[in-house]
């Protein structure tokens, strides 16, 4: 295990969001270091609700959209409920 006290960035073996493994290069993940404190505009977007309703329910698309919303909330870009 590395000493994280001097490490800047993300140090993880695997990343999961709602049970789905997220894959990326170390360079891409390290761009997210300190994410969530203040978004680029300095403001946080309002809560985005999970998809609901409509005449056709695409469960795969709804699950993917919900995962994207969860990721945006995890990094503080979008407000959490």
N, C-alpha and C. Protein backbone atom coordinates (compact mmCIF):
# COMPACT_ATOMS: atom_id res chain seq x y z
N UNK A 1 0.85 -1.18 0.00
CA UNK A 1 0.00 0.00 0.00
C UNK A 1 0.89 1.23 0.00
N UNK A 2 0.59 2.20 -0.83
CA UNK A 2 1.40 3.41 -0.90
C UNK A 2 1.02 4.40 0.19
N UNK A 3 1.96 5.29 0.49
CA UNK A 3 1.73 6.33 1.49
C UNK A 3 0.95 7.46 0.82
N UNK A 4 -0.33 7.58 1.13
CA UNK A 4 -1.20 8.57 0.47
C UNK A 4 -1.03 9.97 1.04
N UNK A 5 -0.23 10.14 2.09
CA UNK A 5 -0.09 11.46 2.67
C UNK A 5 0.64 12.42 1.74
N UNK A 6 1.45 11.89 0.82
CA UNK A 6 2.19 12.74 -0.10
C UNK A 6 1.67 12.61 -1.53
N UNK A 7 0.59 11.91 -1.71
CA UNK A 7 0.06 11.64 -3.06
C UNK A 7 -0.99 12.68 -3.43
N UNK A 8 -0.88 13.24 -4.62
CA UNK A 8 -1.88 14.17 -5.13
C UNK A 8 -2.64 13.45 -6.22
N UNK A 9 -3.91 13.29 -6.08
CA UNK A 9 -4.71 12.59 -7.09
C UNK A 9 -5.49 11.45 -6.48
N UNK A 10 -5.95 10.57 -7.33
CA UNK A 10 -6.76 9.44 -6.91
C UNK A 10 -5.88 8.20 -6.91
N UNK A 11 -5.91 7.44 -5.83
CA UNK A 11 -5.12 6.24 -5.69
C UNK A 11 -6.08 5.11 -5.39
N UNK A 12 -6.47 4.35 -6.41
CA UNK A 12 -7.46 3.29 -6.21
C UNK A 12 -7.19 2.15 -7.18
N UNK A 13 -7.53 0.95 -6.75
CA UNK A 13 -7.42 -0.21 -7.60
C UNK A 13 -8.59 -0.27 -8.58
N UNK A 14 -9.81 -0.08 -8.05
CA UNK A 14 -11.03 -0.15 -8.87
C UNK A 14 -12.02 0.88 -8.36
N UNK A 15 -12.84 1.40 -9.26
CA UNK A 15 -13.86 2.37 -8.91
C UNK A 15 -15.21 1.83 -9.37
N UNK A 16 -16.17 1.82 -8.44
CA UNK A 16 -17.52 1.34 -8.74
C UNK A 16 -18.52 2.44 -8.42
N UNK A 17 -19.51 2.61 -9.29
CA UNK A 17 -20.64 3.50 -9.01
C UNK A 17 -21.89 2.66 -9.18
N UNK A 18 -22.63 2.50 -8.09
CA UNK A 18 -23.84 1.68 -8.08
C UNK A 18 -23.60 0.28 -8.65
N UNK A 19 -22.47 -0.31 -8.28
CA UNK A 19 -22.17 -1.68 -8.71
C UNK A 19 -21.57 -1.80 -10.09
N UNK A 20 -21.42 -0.70 -10.83
CA UNK A 20 -20.84 -0.74 -12.17
C UNK A 20 -19.39 -0.29 -12.09
N UNK A 21 -18.47 -1.14 -12.57
CA UNK A 21 -17.06 -0.76 -12.54
C UNK A 21 -16.79 0.32 -13.58
N UNK A 22 -16.12 1.38 -13.15
CA UNK A 22 -15.74 2.48 -14.03
C UNK A 22 -14.28 2.27 -14.40
N UNK A 23 -13.99 2.25 -15.69
CA UNK A 23 -12.61 2.06 -16.13
C UNK A 23 -12.11 3.34 -16.79
N UNK A 24 -10.85 3.63 -16.54
CA UNK A 24 -10.23 4.84 -17.06
C UNK A 24 -8.73 4.74 -16.86
N UNK A 25 -7.99 5.61 -17.52
CA UNK A 25 -6.54 5.65 -17.29
C UNK A 25 -6.27 6.43 -16.01
N UNK A 26 -5.09 6.23 -15.43
CA UNK A 26 -4.72 6.97 -14.23
C UNK A 26 -4.71 8.47 -14.51
N UNK A 27 -4.24 8.89 -15.68
CA UNK A 27 -4.20 10.31 -16.02
C UNK A 27 -5.60 10.91 -16.06
N UNK A 28 -6.56 10.18 -16.61
CA UNK A 28 -7.94 10.68 -16.66
C UNK A 28 -8.52 10.80 -15.26
N UNK A 29 -8.28 9.79 -14.41
CA UNK A 29 -8.80 9.83 -13.05
C UNK A 29 -8.16 10.94 -12.24
N UNK A 30 -6.87 11.18 -12.42
CA UNK A 30 -6.19 12.21 -11.65
C UNK A 30 -6.67 13.61 -12.00
N UNK A 31 -7.29 13.80 -13.15
CA UNK A 31 -7.89 15.09 -13.50
C UNK A 31 -9.02 15.42 -12.53
N UNK A 32 -9.57 14.39 -11.89
CA UNK A 32 -10.69 14.58 -10.97
C UNK A 32 -10.24 14.92 -9.56
N UNK A 33 -8.94 14.99 -9.32
CA UNK A 33 -8.44 15.30 -7.99
C UNK A 33 -9.04 16.61 -7.50
N UNK A 34 -9.51 16.62 -6.28
CA UNK A 34 -10.15 17.77 -5.65
C UNK A 34 -11.48 18.16 -6.29
N UNK A 35 -12.03 17.31 -7.14
CA UNK A 35 -13.33 17.61 -7.75
C UNK A 35 -14.41 17.59 -6.68
N UNK A 36 -15.43 18.36 -6.88
CA UNK A 36 -16.58 18.35 -5.98
C UNK A 36 -16.62 19.51 -5.02
N UNK A 37 -15.50 20.19 -4.80
CA UNK A 37 -15.52 21.33 -3.89
C UNK A 37 -16.22 22.52 -4.55
N UNK A 38 -15.76 22.92 -5.70
CA UNK A 38 -16.37 24.02 -6.43
C UNK A 38 -16.32 23.64 -7.90
N UNK A 39 -17.45 23.66 -8.58
CA UNK A 39 -17.46 23.37 -10.01
C UNK A 39 -16.93 24.56 -10.76
N UNK A 40 -16.61 24.37 -12.04
CA UNK A 40 -15.94 25.40 -12.84
C UNK A 40 -16.65 26.75 -12.79
N UNK A 41 -17.96 26.75 -12.81
CA UNK A 41 -18.71 28.00 -12.82
C UNK A 41 -18.81 28.60 -11.42
N UNK A 42 -18.41 27.84 -10.41
CA UNK A 42 -18.51 28.30 -9.03
C UNK A 42 -19.87 28.06 -8.42
N UNK A 43 -20.78 27.47 -9.17
CA UNK A 43 -22.10 27.17 -8.65
C UNK A 43 -22.42 25.70 -8.90
N UNK A 44 -23.33 25.18 -8.12
CA UNK A 44 -23.75 23.79 -8.27
C UNK A 44 -25.09 23.77 -8.96
N UNK A 45 -25.26 22.87 -9.92
CA UNK A 45 -26.53 22.72 -10.62
C UNK A 45 -27.58 22.16 -9.67
N UNK A 46 -28.83 22.48 -9.94
CA UNK A 46 -29.94 21.99 -9.13
C UNK A 46 -30.07 20.47 -9.26
N UNK A 47 -30.82 19.89 -8.35
CA UNK A 47 -31.07 18.45 -8.36
C UNK A 47 -31.68 18.04 -9.70
N UNK A 48 -31.18 16.95 -10.26
CA UNK A 48 -31.75 16.35 -11.47
C UNK A 48 -32.43 15.06 -11.03
N UNK A 49 -33.70 14.93 -11.29
CA UNK A 49 -34.44 13.73 -10.89
C UNK A 49 -34.13 12.57 -11.83
N UNK A 50 -34.23 11.36 -11.29
CA UNK A 50 -34.09 10.17 -12.11
C UNK A 50 -35.23 10.13 -13.12
N UNK A 51 -35.00 9.51 -14.28
CA UNK A 51 -36.06 9.43 -15.30
C UNK A 51 -37.28 8.69 -14.77
N UNK A 52 -38.46 9.18 -15.14
CA UNK A 52 -39.70 8.58 -14.67
C UNK A 52 -40.81 8.98 -15.64
N UNK A 53 -41.80 8.13 -15.78
CA UNK A 53 -42.95 8.45 -16.61
C UNK A 53 -42.70 8.20 -18.09
N UNK A 54 -43.58 8.74 -18.90
CA UNK A 54 -43.48 8.56 -20.35
C UNK A 54 -44.26 7.35 -20.81
N UNK A 55 -44.46 7.27 -22.12
CA UNK A 55 -45.24 6.16 -22.67
C UNK A 55 -44.39 4.93 -22.94
N UNK A 56 -43.07 5.11 -23.14
CA UNK A 56 -42.16 4.00 -23.36
C UNK A 56 -41.07 4.04 -22.31
N UNK A 57 -40.90 2.95 -21.58
CA UNK A 57 -39.88 2.89 -20.54
C UNK A 57 -38.71 2.04 -21.03
N UNK A 58 -37.57 2.66 -21.30
CA UNK A 58 -36.35 1.97 -21.70
C UNK A 58 -35.52 1.77 -20.43
N UNK A 59 -35.60 0.59 -19.84
CA UNK A 59 -34.96 0.36 -18.55
C UNK A 59 -33.44 0.50 -18.61
N UNK A 60 -32.83 0.07 -19.71
CA UNK A 60 -31.38 0.20 -19.83
C UNK A 60 -30.96 1.66 -19.88
N UNK A 61 -31.67 2.46 -20.65
CA UNK A 61 -31.36 3.89 -20.76
C UNK A 61 -31.59 4.58 -19.42
N UNK A 62 -32.67 4.25 -18.76
CA UNK A 62 -32.96 4.86 -17.45
C UNK A 62 -31.87 4.52 -16.44
N UNK A 63 -31.39 3.29 -16.46
CA UNK A 63 -30.32 2.89 -15.54
C UNK A 63 -29.04 3.67 -15.85
N UNK A 64 -28.72 3.83 -17.13
CA UNK A 64 -27.52 4.58 -17.51
C UNK A 64 -27.64 6.04 -17.11
N UNK A 65 -28.79 6.64 -17.35
CA UNK A 65 -29.01 8.05 -16.97
C UNK A 65 -28.90 8.22 -15.46
N UNK A 66 -29.48 7.30 -14.72
CA UNK A 66 -29.41 7.36 -13.26
C UNK A 66 -27.96 7.26 -12.79
N UNK A 67 -27.15 6.43 -13.43
CA UNK A 67 -25.73 6.31 -13.07
C UNK A 67 -24.98 7.60 -13.36
N UNK A 68 -25.31 8.26 -14.46
CA UNK A 68 -24.67 9.54 -14.79
C UNK A 68 -25.04 10.58 -13.75
N UNK A 69 -26.30 10.62 -13.36
CA UNK A 69 -26.75 11.57 -12.33
C UNK A 69 -26.01 11.30 -11.03
N UNK A 70 -25.89 10.01 -10.65
CA UNK A 70 -25.17 9.65 -9.42
C UNK A 70 -23.72 10.13 -9.47
N UNK A 71 -23.06 9.97 -10.61
CA UNK A 71 -21.67 10.41 -10.74
C UNK A 71 -21.56 11.92 -10.62
N UNK A 72 -22.48 12.65 -11.25
CA UNK A 72 -22.48 14.11 -11.15
C UNK A 72 -22.69 14.56 -9.71
N UNK A 73 -23.54 13.85 -8.98
CA UNK A 73 -23.77 14.17 -7.57
C UNK A 73 -22.55 13.84 -6.73
N UNK A 74 -21.89 12.73 -7.03
CA UNK A 74 -20.73 12.31 -6.26
C UNK A 74 -19.60 13.34 -6.33
N UNK A 75 -19.49 14.03 -7.44
CA UNK A 75 -18.43 15.02 -7.61
C UNK A 75 -18.91 16.44 -7.32
N UNK A 76 -20.14 16.57 -6.81
CA UNK A 76 -20.64 17.88 -6.40
C UNK A 76 -21.06 18.80 -7.53
N UNK A 77 -21.16 18.26 -8.73
CA UNK A 77 -21.55 19.08 -9.88
C UNK A 77 -23.05 19.35 -9.84
N UNK A 78 -23.81 18.36 -9.39
CA UNK A 78 -25.27 18.46 -9.30
C UNK A 78 -25.66 18.21 -7.84
N UNK A 79 -26.63 18.94 -7.35
CA UNK A 79 -27.09 18.79 -5.97
C UNK A 79 -27.63 17.39 -5.73
N UNK A 80 -27.46 16.90 -4.50
CA UNK A 80 -28.01 15.61 -4.09
C UNK A 80 -29.34 15.82 -3.41
N UNK A 81 -30.15 14.78 -3.43
CA UNK A 81 -31.45 14.88 -2.76
C UNK A 81 -31.31 14.80 -1.27
